[in-house]
């Protein structure tokens, strides 16, 4: 266990001792974002709603800005009781669950309507169940996050344009294999190194949601913004399944309802509102918008690729594809 986890575990023990007399349950929620980030604000709303619903019997303490560790450390910390709740990108769960690889498969989610129909429906329930059975983690809620776009130093309008380009990706088997299949040279790298790597020509591009492209000022080092919208990775609210089920029923219900109530709605509203704002700001900063035909990209990483490369989640992938979504948001 690293120093952050040891420190957090000590804090957990102190909190347990301090709160025993008052019978107040204190839960530590960790995430990696600054307070200004949309999902950090949603986490604050979640905590406030839990406190209100339980008349203060359950208090959620928020530790943002990676103060308790990285996303992976926070996920693992749930098992060590160094934190009780983690909010972050769902793909991190793939370190503990084979099923969680489903979250970052390219072009699986067609749009926001399809996203909502999948994760708020029976397929989302099946994904949650499999993750619980495989890992012991409970996905309490799925919050919307903006789709990932590609940014590059040269124009990319078709898969062939990716040939020879070093594209920074997260250190995820799904992401690495997918971008290699698209024709790029996938280059895993810590996010904190990306700006300098782009500036120095170590890599030729990267991919992320618009909000992160904007806040990271990538417009200063790459000029082409490619509307691939290739992945809708949810933000998840996660607890230990055993810990959640062991809580009194009214407290457990308050947590589940709050995670799927106003906080979730706020995240969705702000993400959808921000997409247009972020795009305009990036264009105003000098980025050139490219809107390629997505079909050639989709065909390279479609059903045949998924069934061959990621067979354990192929059935879920097919189930997601079969979900019909209503028109309108």
C-alpha atoms as a PDB file:
ATOM      1  CA  UNK A   1       0.000   0.000   0.000  1.00  0.00           C
ATOM      2  CA  UNK A   2       1.505   3.377  -0.939  1.00  0.00           C
ATOM      3  CA  UNK A   3       1.794   6.371   1.392  1.00  0.00           C
ATOM      4  CA  UNK A   4      -1.458   7.981   0.186  1.00  0.00           C
ATOM      5  CA  UNK A   5      -3.422   4.803   0.903  1.00  0.00           C
ATOM      6  CA  UNK A   6      -1.738   4.373   4.313  1.00  0.00           C
ATOM      7  CA  UNK A   7      -2.569   7.953   5.259  1.00  0.00           C
ATOM      8  CA  UNK A   8      -6.135   7.570   4.056  1.00  0.00           C
ATOM      9  CA  UNK A   9      -6.520   4.323   6.018  1.00  0.00           C
ATOM     10  CA  UNK A  10      -5.358   6.100   9.190  1.00  0.00           C
ATOM     11  CA  UNK A  11      -7.865   8.877   8.554  1.00  0.00           C
ATOM     12  CA  UNK A  12     -10.551   6.231   8.093  1.00  0.00           C
ATOM     13  CA  UNK A  13      -9.741   4.707  11.479  1.00  0.00           C
ATOM     14  CA  UNK A  14      -9.817   8.103  13.170  1.00  0.00           C
ATOM     15  CA  UNK A  15     -13.150   8.942  11.506  1.00  0.00           C
ATOM     16  CA  UNK A  16     -14.627   5.615  12.645  1.00  0.00           C
ATOM     17  CA  UNK A  17     -13.538   6.222  16.243  1.00  0.00           C
ATOM     18  CA  UNK A  18     -14.705   9.816  16.216  1.00  0.00           C
ATOM     19  CA  UNK A  19     -18.123   9.074  14.780  1.00  0.00           C
ATOM     20  CA  UNK A  20     -18.916   5.981  16.827  1.00  0.00           C
ATOM     21  CA  UNK A  21     -20.383   7.949  19.725  1.00  0.00           C
ATOM     22  CA  UNK A  22     -22.738   9.960  17.562  1.00  0.00           C
ATOM     23  CA  UNK A  23     -23.756   6.974  15.380  1.00  0.00           C
ATOM     24  CA  UNK A  24     -23.192   9.130  12.315  1.00  0.00           C
ATOM     25  CA  UNK A  25     -21.910   7.193   9.318  1.00  0.00           C
ATOM     26  CA  UNK A  26     -19.078   9.007   7.573  1.00  0.00           C
ATOM     27  CA  UNK A  27     -18.224   7.917   4.038  1.00  0.00           C
ATOM     28  CA  UNK A  28     -15.143   9.215   2.235  1.00  0.00           C
ATOM     29  CA  UNK A  29     -15.640   9.921  -1.467  1.00  0.00           C
ATOM     30  CA  UNK A  30     -12.548  10.325  -3.637  1.00  0.00           C
ATOM     31  CA  UNK A  31     -12.073  11.673  -7.141  1.00  0.00           C
ATOM     32  CA  UNK A  32      -9.250  13.218  -9.172  1.00  0.00           C
ATOM     33  CA  UNK A  33     -10.872  16.408 -10.496  1.00  0.00           C
ATOM     34  CA  UNK A  34     -10.622  20.053  -9.412  1.00  0.00           C
ATOM     35  CA  UNK A  35     -13.730  21.499  -7.780  1.00  0.00           C
ATOM     36  CA  UNK A  36     -14.627  23.350 -10.997  1.00  0.00           C
ATOM     37  CA  UNK A  37     -15.098  20.163 -12.999  1.00  0.00           C
ATOM     38  CA  UNK A  38     -18.698  19.182 -13.828  1.00  0.00           C
ATOM     39  CA  UNK A  39     -18.579  15.806 -12.128  1.00  0.00           C
ATOM     40  CA  UNK A  40     -16.864  17.215  -9.050  1.00  0.00           C
ATOM     41  CA  UNK A  41     -19.846  19.556  -8.653  1.00  0.00           C
ATOM     42  CA  UNK A  42     -22.200  16.621  -9.227  1.00  0.00           C
ATOM     43  CA  UNK A  43     -20.417  14.682  -6.471  1.00  0.00           C
ATOM     44  CA  UNK A  44     -20.996  17.616  -4.109  1.00  0.00           C
ATOM     45  CA  UNK A  45     -24.715  17.583  -4.952  1.00  0.00           C
ATOM     46  CA  UNK A  46     -24.787  13.842  -4.350  1.00  0.00           C
ATOM     47  CA  UNK A  47     -23.241  14.289  -0.901  1.00  0.00           C
ATOM     48  CA  UNK A  48     -25.629  17.103   0.008  1.00  0.00           C
ATOM     49  CA  UNK A  49     -28.656  15.059  -1.071  1.00  0.00           C
ATOM     50  CA  UNK A  50     -27.568  12.029   0.965  1.00  0.00           C
ATOM     51  CA  UNK A  51     -27.162  14.212   4.059  1.00  0.00           C
ATOM     52  CA  UNK A  52     -30.593  15.760   3.523  1.00  0.00           C
ATOM     53  CA  UNK A  53     -32.320  12.418   2.925  1.00  0.00           C
ATOM     54  CA  UNK A  54     -30.828  10.869   6.064  1.00  0.00           C
ATOM     55  CA  UNK A  55     -31.178  13.938   8.303  1.00  0.00           C
ATOM     56  CA  UNK A  56     -27.426  13.997   8.683  1.00  0.00           C
ATOM     57  CA  UNK A  57     -27.086  10.355   9.711  1.00  0.00           C
ATOM     58  CA  UNK A  58     -24.884   9.744   6.657  1.00  0.00           C
ATOM     59  CA  UNK A  59     -22.181  12.266   5.892  1.00  0.00           C
ATOM     60  CA  UNK A  60     -20.152  12.011   2.700  1.00  0.00           C
ATOM     61  CA  UNK A  61     -16.787  13.719   2.902  1.00  0.00           C
ATOM     62  CA  UNK A  62     -15.396  14.673  -0.496  1.00  0.00           C
ATOM     63  CA  UNK A  63     -11.680  14.414  -1.223  1.00  0.00           C
ATOM     64  CA  UNK A  64     -11.000  15.731  -4.723  1.00  0.00           C
ATOM     65  CA  UNK A  65      -7.919  16.718  -6.699  1.00  0.00           C
ATOM     66  CA  UNK A  66      -6.368  13.250  -6.275  1.00  0.00           C
ATOM     67  CA  UNK A  67      -5.732  13.950  -2.582  1.00  0.00           C
ATOM     68  CA  UNK A  68      -6.430  10.293  -1.751  1.00  0.00           C
ATOM     69  CA  UNK A  69      -4.722   8.961  -4.874  1.00  0.00           C
ATOM     70  CA  UNK A  70      -5.211   8.296  -8.574  1.00  0.00           C
ATOM     71  CA  UNK A  71      -8.370   6.781 -10.038  1.00  0.00           C
ATOM     72  CA  UNK A  72      -6.918   3.295  -9.786  1.00  0.00           C
ATOM     73  CA  UNK A  73      -5.722   3.890  -6.219  1.00  0.00           C
ATOM     74  CA  UNK A  74      -9.154   5.184  -5.264  1.00  0.00           C
ATOM     75  CA  UNK A  75     -10.847   2.139  -6.751  1.00  0.00           C
ATOM     76  CA  UNK A  76      -8.472  -0.186  -4.894  1.00  0.00           C
ATOM     77  CA  UNK A  77      -8.830   1.963  -1.781  1.00  0.00           C
ATOM     78  CA  UNK A  78     -12.467   0.923  -1.477  1.00  0.00           C
ATOM     79  CA  UNK A  79     -11.254  -2.598  -0.669  1.00  0.00           C
ATOM     80  CA  UNK A  80      -8.713  -1.275   1.861  1.00  0.00           C
ATOM     81  CA  UNK A  81     -11.345   1.041   3.454  1.00  0.00           C
ATOM     82  CA  UNK A  82      -9.095   4.022   2.828  1.00  0.00           C
ATOM     83  CA  UNK A  83     -12.068   5.526   0.999  1.00  0.00           C
ATOM     84  CA  UNK A  84     -15.656   4.333   0.683  1.00  0.00           C
ATOM     85  CA  UNK A  85     -16.833   5.794  -2.633  1.00  0.00           C
ATOM     86  CA  UNK A  86     -15.033   6.481  -5.878  1.00  0.00           C
ATOM     87  CA  UNK A  87     -16.343   8.630  -8.738  1.00  0.00           C
ATOM     88  CA  UNK A  88     -14.434   8.403 -12.012  1.00  0.00           C
ATOM     89  CA  UNK A  89     -14.185   7.098 -15.557  1.00  0.00           C
ATOM     90  CA  UNK A  90     -15.752   3.648 -15.830  1.00  0.00           C
ATOM     91  CA  UNK A  91     -12.899   2.189 -17.844  1.00  0.00           C
ATOM     92  CA  UNK A  92     -10.743   2.048 -14.694  1.00  0.00           C
ATOM     93  CA  UNK A  93     -12.960  -0.801 -13.502  1.00  0.00           C
ATOM     94  CA  UNK A  94     -11.395  -2.980 -16.205  1.00  0.00           C
ATOM     95  CA  UNK A  95      -8.449  -3.507 -13.831  1.00  0.00           C
ATOM     96  CA  UNK A  96     -10.828  -5.561 -11.660  1.00  0.00           C
ATOM     97  CA  UNK A  97     -13.496  -6.764 -14.089  1.00  0.00           C
ATOM     98  CA  UNK A  98     -13.341  -8.210 -17.595  1.00  0.00           C
ATOM     99  CA  UNK A  99     -16.864  -6.925 -18.232  1.00  0.00           C
ATOM    100  CA  UNK A 100     -15.747  -3.335 -17.630  1.00  0.00           C
ATOM    101  CA  UNK A 101     -13.841  -3.426 -20.911  1.00  0.00           C
ATOM    102  CA  UNK A 102     -17.218  -2.760 -22.507  1.00  0.00           C
ATOM    103  CA  UNK A 103     -17.077   0.897 -21.436  1.00  0.00           C
ATOM    104  CA  UNK A 104     -14.342   1.994 -23.837  1.00  0.00           C
ATOM    105  CA  UNK A 105     -15.110  -0.046 -26.948  1.00  0.00           C
ATOM    106  CA  UNK A 106     -15.021   2.407 -29.887  1.00  0.00           C
ATOM    107  CA  UNK A 107     -18.216   3.532 -31.598  1.00  0.00           C
ATOM    108  CA  UNK A 108     -20.322   1.204 -29.444  1.00  0.00           C
ATOM    109  CA  UNK A 109     -22.547   4.041 -28.222  1.00  0.00           C
ATOM    110  CA  UNK A 110     -24.202   5.889 -31.098  1.00  0.00           C
ATOM    111  CA  UNK A 111     -25.252   9.098 -29.340  1.00  0.00           C
ATOM    112  CA  UNK A 112     -26.554  10.477 -26.049  1.00  0.00           C
ATOM    113  CA  UNK A 113     -30.016   8.965 -26.513  1.00  0.00           C
ATOM    114  CA  UNK A 114     -28.503   5.542 -27.090  1.00  0.00           C
ATOM    115  CA  UNK A 115     -26.203   6.041 -24.075  1.00  0.00           C
ATOM    116  CA  UNK A 116     -29.169   6.751 -21.802  1.00  0.00           C
ATOM    117  CA  UNK A 117     -31.184   3.828 -23.172  1.00  0.00           C
ATOM    118  CA  UNK A 118     -28.261   1.457 -22.564  1.00  0.00           C
ATOM    119  CA  UNK A 119     -27.090   2.483 -19.122  1.00  0.00           C
ATOM    120  CA  UNK A 120     -30.523   3.282 -17.689  1.00  0.00           C
ATOM    121  CA  UNK A 121     -32.022   0.077 -19.076  1.00  0.00           C
ATOM    122  CA  UNK A 122     -31.747  -3.721 -18.731  1.00  0.00           C
ATOM    123  CA  UNK A 123     -28.370  -3.904 -20.487  1.00  0.00           C
ATOM    124  CA  UNK A 124     -26.912  -1.434 -17.993  1.00  0.00           C
ATOM    125  CA  UNK A 125     -28.334  -3.586 -15.215  1.00  0.00           C
ATOM    126  CA  UNK A 126     -26.652  -6.669 -16.644  1.00  0.00           C
ATOM    127  CA  UNK A 127     -23.315  -4.834 -16.909  1.00  0.00           C
ATOM    128  CA  UNK A 128     -23.650  -3.754 -13.271  1.00  0.00           C
ATOM    129  CA  UNK A 129     -24.444  -7.309 -12.150  1.00  0.00           C
ATOM    130  CA  UNK A 130     -21.490  -8.832 -13.999  1.00  0.00           C
ATOM    131  CA  UNK A 131     -19.084  -6.266 -12.557  1.00  0.00           C
ATOM    132  CA  UNK A 132     -20.436  -6.956  -9.066  1.00  0.00           C
ATOM    133  CA  UNK A 133     -20.033 -10.720  -9.504  1.00  0.00           C
ATOM    134  CA  UNK A 134     -16.520 -10.419 -10.956  1.00  0.00           C
ATOM    135  CA  UNK A 135     -15.083  -7.774  -8.660  1.00  0.00           C
ATOM    136  CA  UNK A 136     -17.264  -7.120  -5.633  1.00  0.00           C
ATOM    137  CA  UNK A 137     -17.698  -3.497  -6.734  1.00  0.00           C
ATOM    138  CA  UNK A 138     -21.166  -1.974  -6.994  1.00  0.00           C
ATOM    139  CA  UNK A 139     -21.782   0.605  -9.712  1.00  0.00           C
ATOM    140  CA  UNK A 140     -24.353   2.758  -7.927  1.00  0.00           C
ATOM    141  CA  UNK A 141     -24.919   5.146 -10.854  1.00  0.00           C
ATOM    142  CA  UNK A 142     -23.817   5.965 -14.388  1.00  0.00           C
ATOM    143  CA  UNK A 143     -23.313   9.694 -15.079  1.00  0.00           C
ATOM    144  CA  UNK A 144     -23.036  11.125 -18.571  1.00  0.00           C
ATOM    145  CA  UNK A 145     -19.678  12.309 -19.838  1.00  0.00           C
ATOM    146  CA  UNK A 146     -19.021  13.978 -23.165  1.00  0.00           C
ATOM    147  CA  UNK A 147     -17.797  11.791 -26.052  1.00  0.00           C
ATOM    148  CA  UNK A 148     -14.111  11.573 -26.881  1.00  0.00           C
ATOM    149  CA  UNK A 149     -12.756  13.533 -29.866  1.00  0.00           C
ATOM    150  CA  UNK A 150      -9.442  13.238 -31.679  1.00  0.00           C
ATOM    151  CA  UNK A 151      -7.018  16.174 -31.867  1.00  0.00           C
ATOM    152  CA  UNK A 152      -4.058  16.038 -34.245  1.00  0.00           C
ATOM    153  CA  UNK A 153      -1.288  18.127 -35.753  1.00  0.00           C
ATOM    154  CA  UNK A 154      -2.304  17.130 -39.278  1.00  0.00           C
ATOM    155  CA  UNK A 155      -5.785  16.762 -40.793  1.00  0.00           C
ATOM    156  CA  UNK A 156      -7.453  13.382 -40.307  1.00  0.00           C
ATOM    157  CA  UNK A 157     -10.487  12.719 -42.482  1.00  0.00           C
ATOM    158  CA  UNK A 158     -10.236   8.941 -43.018  1.00  0.00           C
ATOM    159  CA  UNK A 159      -8.535   5.991 -41.287  1.00  0.00           C
ATOM    160  CA  UNK A 160      -5.695   6.017 -43.794  1.00  0.00           C
ATOM    161  CA  UNK A 161      -4.703   9.469 -42.509  1.00  0.00           C
ATOM    162  CA  UNK A 162      -3.856   7.896 -39.152  1.00  0.00           C
ATOM    163  CA  UNK A 163      -1.089   5.760 -40.633  1.00  0.00           C
ATOM    164  CA  UNK A 164       2.193   6.492 -38.882  1.00  0.00           C
ATOM    165  CA  UNK A 165       0.648   8.951 -36.408  1.00  0.00           C
ATOM    166  CA  UNK A 166       1.514   8.484 -32.753  1.00  0.00           C
ATOM    167  CA  UNK A 167      -1.747   9.009 -30.884  1.00  0.00           C
ATOM    168  CA  UNK A 168      -1.599   9.223 -27.114  1.00  0.00           C
ATOM    169  CA  UNK A 169      -4.145   6.959 -25.442  1.00  0.00           C
ATOM    170  CA  UNK A 170      -4.817   5.880 -21.839  1.00  0.00           C
ATOM    171  CA  UNK A 171      -2.984   2.749 -20.734  1.00  0.00           C
ATOM    172  CA  UNK A 172      -5.917   0.448 -21.513  1.00  0.00           C
ATOM    173  CA  UNK A 173      -5.783  -2.741 -23.604  1.00  0.00           C
ATOM    174  CA  UNK A 174      -9.088  -1.870 -25.276  1.00  0.00           C
ATOM    175  CA  UNK A 175      -7.966   1.616 -26.257  1.00  0.00           C
ATOM    176  CA  UNK A 176      -4.501   0.566 -27.418  1.00  0.00           C
ATOM    177  CA  UNK A 177      -5.789  -2.297 -29.579  1.00  0.00           C
ATOM    178  CA  UNK A 178      -8.597  -0.187 -31.002  1.00  0.00           C
ATOM    179  CA  UNK A 179      -6.372   2.684 -32.140  1.00  0.00           C
ATOM    180  CA  UNK A 180      -3.824   0.306 -33.598  1.00  0.00           C
ATOM    181  CA  UNK A 181      -6.649  -1.355 -35.503  1.00  0.00           C
ATOM    182  CA  UNK A 182      -7.697   2.067 -36.817  1.00  0.00           C
ATOM    183  CA  UNK A 183      -4.209   2.453 -38.279  1.00  0.00           C
ATOM    184  CA  UNK A 184      -2.532   4.710 -35.737  1.00  0.00           C
ATOM    185  CA  UNK A 185       0.454   3.947 -33.553  1.00  0.00           C
ATOM    186  CA  UNK A 186      -1.256   3.934 -30.161  1.00  0.00           C
ATOM    187  CA  UNK A 187       1.036   5.457 -27.529  1.00  0.00           C
ATOM    188  CA  UNK A 188       0.034   4.978 -23.871  1.00  0.00           C
ATOM    189  CA  UNK A 189       1.152   7.897 -21.715  1.00  0.00           C
ATOM    190  CA  UNK A 190       0.259   9.501 -18.390  1.00  0.00           C
ATOM    191  CA  UNK A 191      -2.112  12.369 -18.996  1.00  0.00           C
ATOM    192  CA  UNK A 192       0.127  14.875 -17.232  1.00  0.00           C
ATOM    193  CA  UNK A 193       2.809  14.340 -19.878  1.00  0.00           C
ATOM    194  CA  UNK A 194       0.582  14.865 -22.920  1.00  0.00           C
ATOM    195  CA  UNK A 195       0.873  18.645 -23.402  1.00  0.00           C
ATOM    196  CA  UNK A 196       4.673  18.620 -23.405  1.00  0.00           C
ATOM    197  CA  UNK A 197       4.772  15.524 -25.597  1.00  0.00           C
ATOM    198  CA  UNK A 198       2.592  17.268 -28.171  1.00  0.00           C
ATOM    199  CA  UNK A 199       4.633  20.447 -27.908  1.00  0.00           C
ATOM    200  CA  UNK A 200       7.916  18.581 -28.402  1.00  0.00           C
ATOM    201  CA  UNK A 201       6.647  16.375 -31.228  1.00  0.00           C
ATOM    202  CA  UNK A 202       6.922  13.137 -29.277  1.00  0.00           C
ATOM    203  CA  UNK A 203       3.315  12.356 -30.248  1.00  0.00           C
ATOM    204  CA  UNK A 204       1.103  13.587 -33.085  1.00  0.00           C
ATOM    205  CA  UNK A 205      -2.258  13.690 -31.360  1.00  0.00           C
ATOM    206  CA  UNK A 206      -4.464  12.602 -28.486  1.00  0.00           C
ATOM    207  CA  UNK A 207      -8.136  11.888 -27.772  1.00  0.00           C
ATOM    208  CA  UNK A 208     -10.374  13.134 -24.960  1.00  0.00           C
ATOM    209  CA  UNK A 209     -13.732  14.820 -24.255  1.00  0.00           C
ATOM    210  CA  UNK A 210     -14.001  18.447 -25.361  1.00  0.00           C
ATOM    211  CA  UNK A 211     -14.053  19.747 -21.792  1.00  0.00           C
ATOM    212  CA  UNK A 212     -10.634  18.236 -21.107  1.00  0.00           C
ATOM    213  CA  UNK A 213      -9.230  19.331 -24.473  1.00  0.00           C
ATOM    214  CA  UNK A 214     -10.253  22.870 -23.577  1.00  0.00           C
ATOM    215  CA  UNK A 215      -9.107  22.940 -19.948  1.00  0.00           C
ATOM    216  CA  UNK A 216      -5.767  21.366 -20.907  1.00  0.00           C
ATOM    217  CA  UNK A 217      -5.165  24.075 -23.548  1.00  0.00           C
ATOM    218  CA  UNK A 218      -4.343  21.549 -26.250  1.00  0.00           C
ATOM    219  CA  UNK A 219      -5.353  24.189 -28.792  1.00  0.00           C
ATOM    220  CA  UNK A 220      -1.914  25.695 -28.186  1.00  0.00           C
ATOM    221  CA  UNK A 221      -0.100  22.605 -29.490  1.00  0.00           C
ATOM    222  CA  UNK A 222      -2.485  20.922 -31.965  1.00  0.00           C
ATOM    223  CA  UNK A 223      -4.739  22.652 -34.475  1.00  0.00           C
ATOM    224  CA  UNK A 224      -7.069  19.966 -35.839  1.00  0.00           C
ATOM    225  CA  UNK A 225     -10.175  18.947 -33.896  1.00  0.00           C
ATOM    226  CA  UNK A 226     -11.691  15.796 -35.387  1.00  0.00           C
ATOM    227  CA  UNK A 227     -15.324  14.987 -34.536  1.00  0.00           C
ATOM    228  CA  UNK A 228     -14.882  11.241 -34.107  1.00  0.00           C
ATOM    229  CA  UNK A 229     -17.029  11.002 -30.967  1.00  0.00           C
ATOM    230  CA  UNK A 230     -15.684   7.486 -30.796  1.00  0.00           C
ATOM    231  CA  UNK A 231     -16.377   6.655 -27.149  1.00  0.00           C
ATOM    232  CA  UNK A 232     -18.980   7.598 -24.555  1.00  0.00           C
ATOM    233  CA  UNK A 233     -17.303   6.381 -21.371  1.00  0.00           C
ATOM    234  CA  UNK A 234     -19.571   6.863 -18.346  1.00  0.00           C
ATOM    235  CA  UNK A 235     -18.525   8.404 -15.091  1.00  0.00           C
ATOM    236  CA  UNK A 236     -19.436   5.892 -12.394  1.00  0.00           C
ATOM    237  CA  UNK A 237     -20.238   6.133  -8.702  1.00  0.00           C
ATOM    238  CA  UNK A 238     -18.758   3.013  -7.081  1.00  0.00           C
ATOM    239  CA  UNK A 239     -18.872   1.405  -3.638  1.00  0.00           C
ATOM    240  CA  UNK A 240     -18.008  -1.989  -2.236  1.00  0.00           C
ATOM    241  CA  UNK A 241     -21.068  -4.168  -2.884  1.00  0.00           C
ATOM    242  CA  UNK A 242     -20.871  -5.868   0.494  1.00  0.00           C
ATOM    243  CA  UNK A 243     -20.530  -2.591   2.352  1.00  0.00           C
ATOM    244  CA  UNK A 244     -23.535  -1.100   0.581  1.00  0.00           C
ATOM    245  CA  UNK A 245     -25.834  -4.077   1.177  1.00  0.00           C
ATOM    246  CA  UNK A 246     -24.822  -4.186   4.852  1.00  0.00           C
ATOM    247  CA  UNK A 247     -26.010  -0.621   5.451  1.00  0.00           C
ATOM    248  CA  UNK A 248     -29.461   0.014   6.944  1.00  0.00           C
ATOM    249  CA  UNK A 249     -32.069  -0.088   4.201  1.00  0.00           C
ATOM    250  CA  UNK A 250     -33.049   3.583   4.524  1.00  0.00           C
ATOM    251  CA  UNK A 251     -29.421   4.709   4.245  1.00  0.00           C
ATOM    252  CA  UNK A 252     -28.737   2.402   1.309  1.00  0.00           C
ATOM    253  CA  UNK A 253     -31.834   3.737  -0.475  1.00  0.00           C
ATOM    254  CA  UNK A 254     -30.784   7.326   0.207  1.00  0.00           C
ATOM    255  CA  UNK A 255     -27.385   6.719  -1.406  1.00  0.00           C
ATOM    256  CA  UNK A 256     -28.803   4.983  -4.473  1.00  0.00           C
ATOM    257  CA  UNK A 257     -31.564   7.562  -4.950  1.00  0.00           C
ATOM    258  CA  UNK A 258     -29.189  10.511  -4.534  1.00  0.00           C
ATOM    259  CA  UNK A 259     -26.655   9.093  -6.985  1.00  0.00           C
ATOM    260  CA  UNK A 260     -29.402   8.634  -9.563  1.00  0.00           C
ATOM    261  CA  UNK A 261     -31.289  11.841  -8.818  1.00  0.00           C
ATOM    262  CA  UNK A 262     -30.416  15.542  -9.004  1.00  0.00           C
ATOM    263  CA  UNK A 263     -26.660  14.927  -9.168  1.00  0.00           C
ATOM    264  CA  UNK A 264     -27.009  12.688 -12.211  1.00  0.00           C
ATOM    265  CA  UNK A 265     -29.401  15.134 -13.875  1.00  0.00           C
ATOM    266  CA  UNK A 266     -27.013  18.013 -13.200  1.00  0.00           C
ATOM    267  CA  UNK A 267     -24.088  16.153 -14.784  1.00  0.00           C
ATOM    268  CA  UNK A 268     -26.146  15.394 -17.897  1.00  0.00           C
ATOM    269  CA  UNK A 269     -27.450  18.934 -18.260  1.00  0.00           C
ATOM    270  CA  UNK A 270     -24.020  20.511 -17.820  1.00  0.00           C
ATOM    271  CA  UNK A 271     -22.315  18.082 -20.202  1.00  0.00           C
ATOM    272  CA  UNK A 272     -24.901  18.647 -22.929  1.00  0.00           C
ATOM    273  CA  UNK A 273     -24.867  22.408 -22.442  1.00  0.00           C
ATOM    274  CA  UNK A 274     -21.097  22.471 -22.388  1.00  0.00           C
ATOM    275  CA  UNK A 275     -20.515  20.506 -25.593  1.00  0.00           C
ATOM    276  CA  UNK A 276     -21.543  23.410 -27.837  1.00  0.00           C
ATOM    277  CA  UNK A 277     -19.820  25.981 -25.643  1.00  0.00           C
ATOM    278  CA  UNK A 278     -16.577  24.010 -25.529  1.00  0.00           C
ATOM    279  CA  UNK A 279     -16.577  23.501 -29.298  1.00  0.00           C
ATOM    280  CA  UNK A 280     -16.996  27.226 -29.957  1.00  0.00           C
ATOM    281  CA  UNK A 281     -14.261  28.121 -27.474  1.00  0.00           C
ATOM    282  CA  UNK A 282     -11.844  25.694 -29.113  1.00  0.00           C
ATOM    283  CA  UNK A 283     -12.620  27.069 -32.559  1.00  0.00           C
ATOM    284  CA  UNK A 284     -12.187  30.607 -31.237  1.00  0.00           C
ATOM    285  CA  UNK A 285      -8.798  29.483 -29.919  1.00  0.00           C
ATOM    286  CA  UNK A 286      -7.757  28.621 -33.472  1.00  0.00           C
ATOM    287  CA  UNK A 287      -8.621  24.960 -33.850  1.00  0.00           C
ATOM    288  CA  UNK A 288      -9.962  23.744 -37.192  1.00  0.00           C
ATOM    289  CA  UNK A 289     -13.041  21.519 -36.977  1.00  0.00           C
ATOM    290  CA  UNK A 290     -12.974  18.397 -39.146  1.00  0.00           C
ATOM    291  CA  UNK A 291     -16.174  16.367 -39.493  1.00  0.00           C
ATOM    292  CA  UNK A 292     -15.203  13.092 -41.148  1.00  0.00           C
ATOM    293  CA  UNK A 293     -17.459  10.334 -42.405  1.00  0.00           C
ATOM    294  CA  UNK A 294     -17.426   8.033 -39.369  1.00  0.00           C
ATOM    295  CA  UNK A 295     -18.451   4.906 -41.250  1.00  0.00           C
ATOM    296  CA  UNK A 296     -14.947   3.901 -42.460  1.00  0.00           C
ATOM    297  CA  UNK A 297     -13.630   4.282 -38.908  1.00  0.00           C
ATOM    298  CA  UNK A 298     -16.529   2.286 -37.465  1.00  0.00           C
ATOM    299  CA  UNK A 299     -16.043  -0.539 -39.955  1.00  0.00           C
ATOM    300  CA  UNK A 300     -12.432  -1.066 -38.883  1.00  0.00           C
ATOM    301  CA  UNK A 301     -13.362  -1.559 -35.225  1.00  0.00           C
ATOM    302  CA  UNK A 302     -16.847  -3.011 -35.650  1.00  0.00           C
ATOM    303  CA  UNK A 303     -18.465  -6.311 -34.727  1.00  0.00           C
ATOM    304  CA  UNK A 304     -15.869  -8.603 -36.303  1.00  0.00           C
ATOM    305  CA  UNK A 305     -13.016  -6.824 -34.514  1.00  0.00           C
ATOM    306  CA  UNK A 306     -14.773  -6.825 -31.130  1.00  0.00           C
ATOM    307  CA  UNK A 307     -15.734 -10.509 -31.339  1.00  0.00           C
ATOM    308  CA  UNK A 308     -12.160 -11.459 -32.179  1.00  0.00           C
ATOM    309  CA  UNK A 309     -10.254  -9.132 -29.852  1.00  0.00           C
ATOM    310  CA  UNK A 310     -12.632  -8.923 -26.889  1.00  0.00           C
ATOM    311  CA  UNK A 311     -14.621 -12.154 -26.952  1.00  0.00           C
ATOM    312  CA  UNK A 312     -15.601 -12.082 -23.218  1.00  0.00           C
ATOM    313  CA  UNK A 313     -17.713  -8.946 -23.780  1.00  0.00           C
ATOM    314  CA  UNK A 314     -18.891  -9.711 -27.322  1.00  0.00           C
ATOM    315  CA  UNK A 315     -22.369 -10.739 -26.169  1.00  0.00           C
ATOM    316  CA  UNK A 316     -22.802  -7.498 -24.230  1.00  0.00           C
ATOM    317  CA  UNK A 317     -21.528  -5.518 -27.205  1.00  0.00           C
ATOM    318  CA  UNK A 318     -24.221  -7.146 -29.355  1.00  0.00           C
ATOM    319  CA  UNK A 319     -26.846  -6.396 -26.693  1.00  0.00           C
ATOM    320  CA  UNK A 320     -25.810  -2.735 -26.636  1.00  0.00           C
ATOM    321  CA  UNK A 321     -26.011  -2.535 -30.426  1.00  0.00           C
ATOM    322  CA  UNK A 322     -29.544  -3.943 -30.325  1.00  0.00           C
ATOM    323  CA  UNK A 323     -30.839  -1.307 -27.905  1.00  0.00           C
ATOM    324  CA  UNK A 324     -33.185   1.133 -29.585  1.00  0.00           C
ATOM    325  CA  UNK A 325     -33.156   4.738 -28.429  1.00  0.00           C
ATOM    326  CA  UNK A 326     -35.992   7.274 -28.651  1.00  0.00           C
ATOM    327  CA  UNK A 327     -35.551  10.472 -30.600  1.00  0.00           C
ATOM    328  CA  UNK A 328     -34.781  13.651 -28.669  1.00  0.00           C
ATOM    329  CA  UNK A 329     -32.762  14.211 -25.531  1.00  0.00           C
END
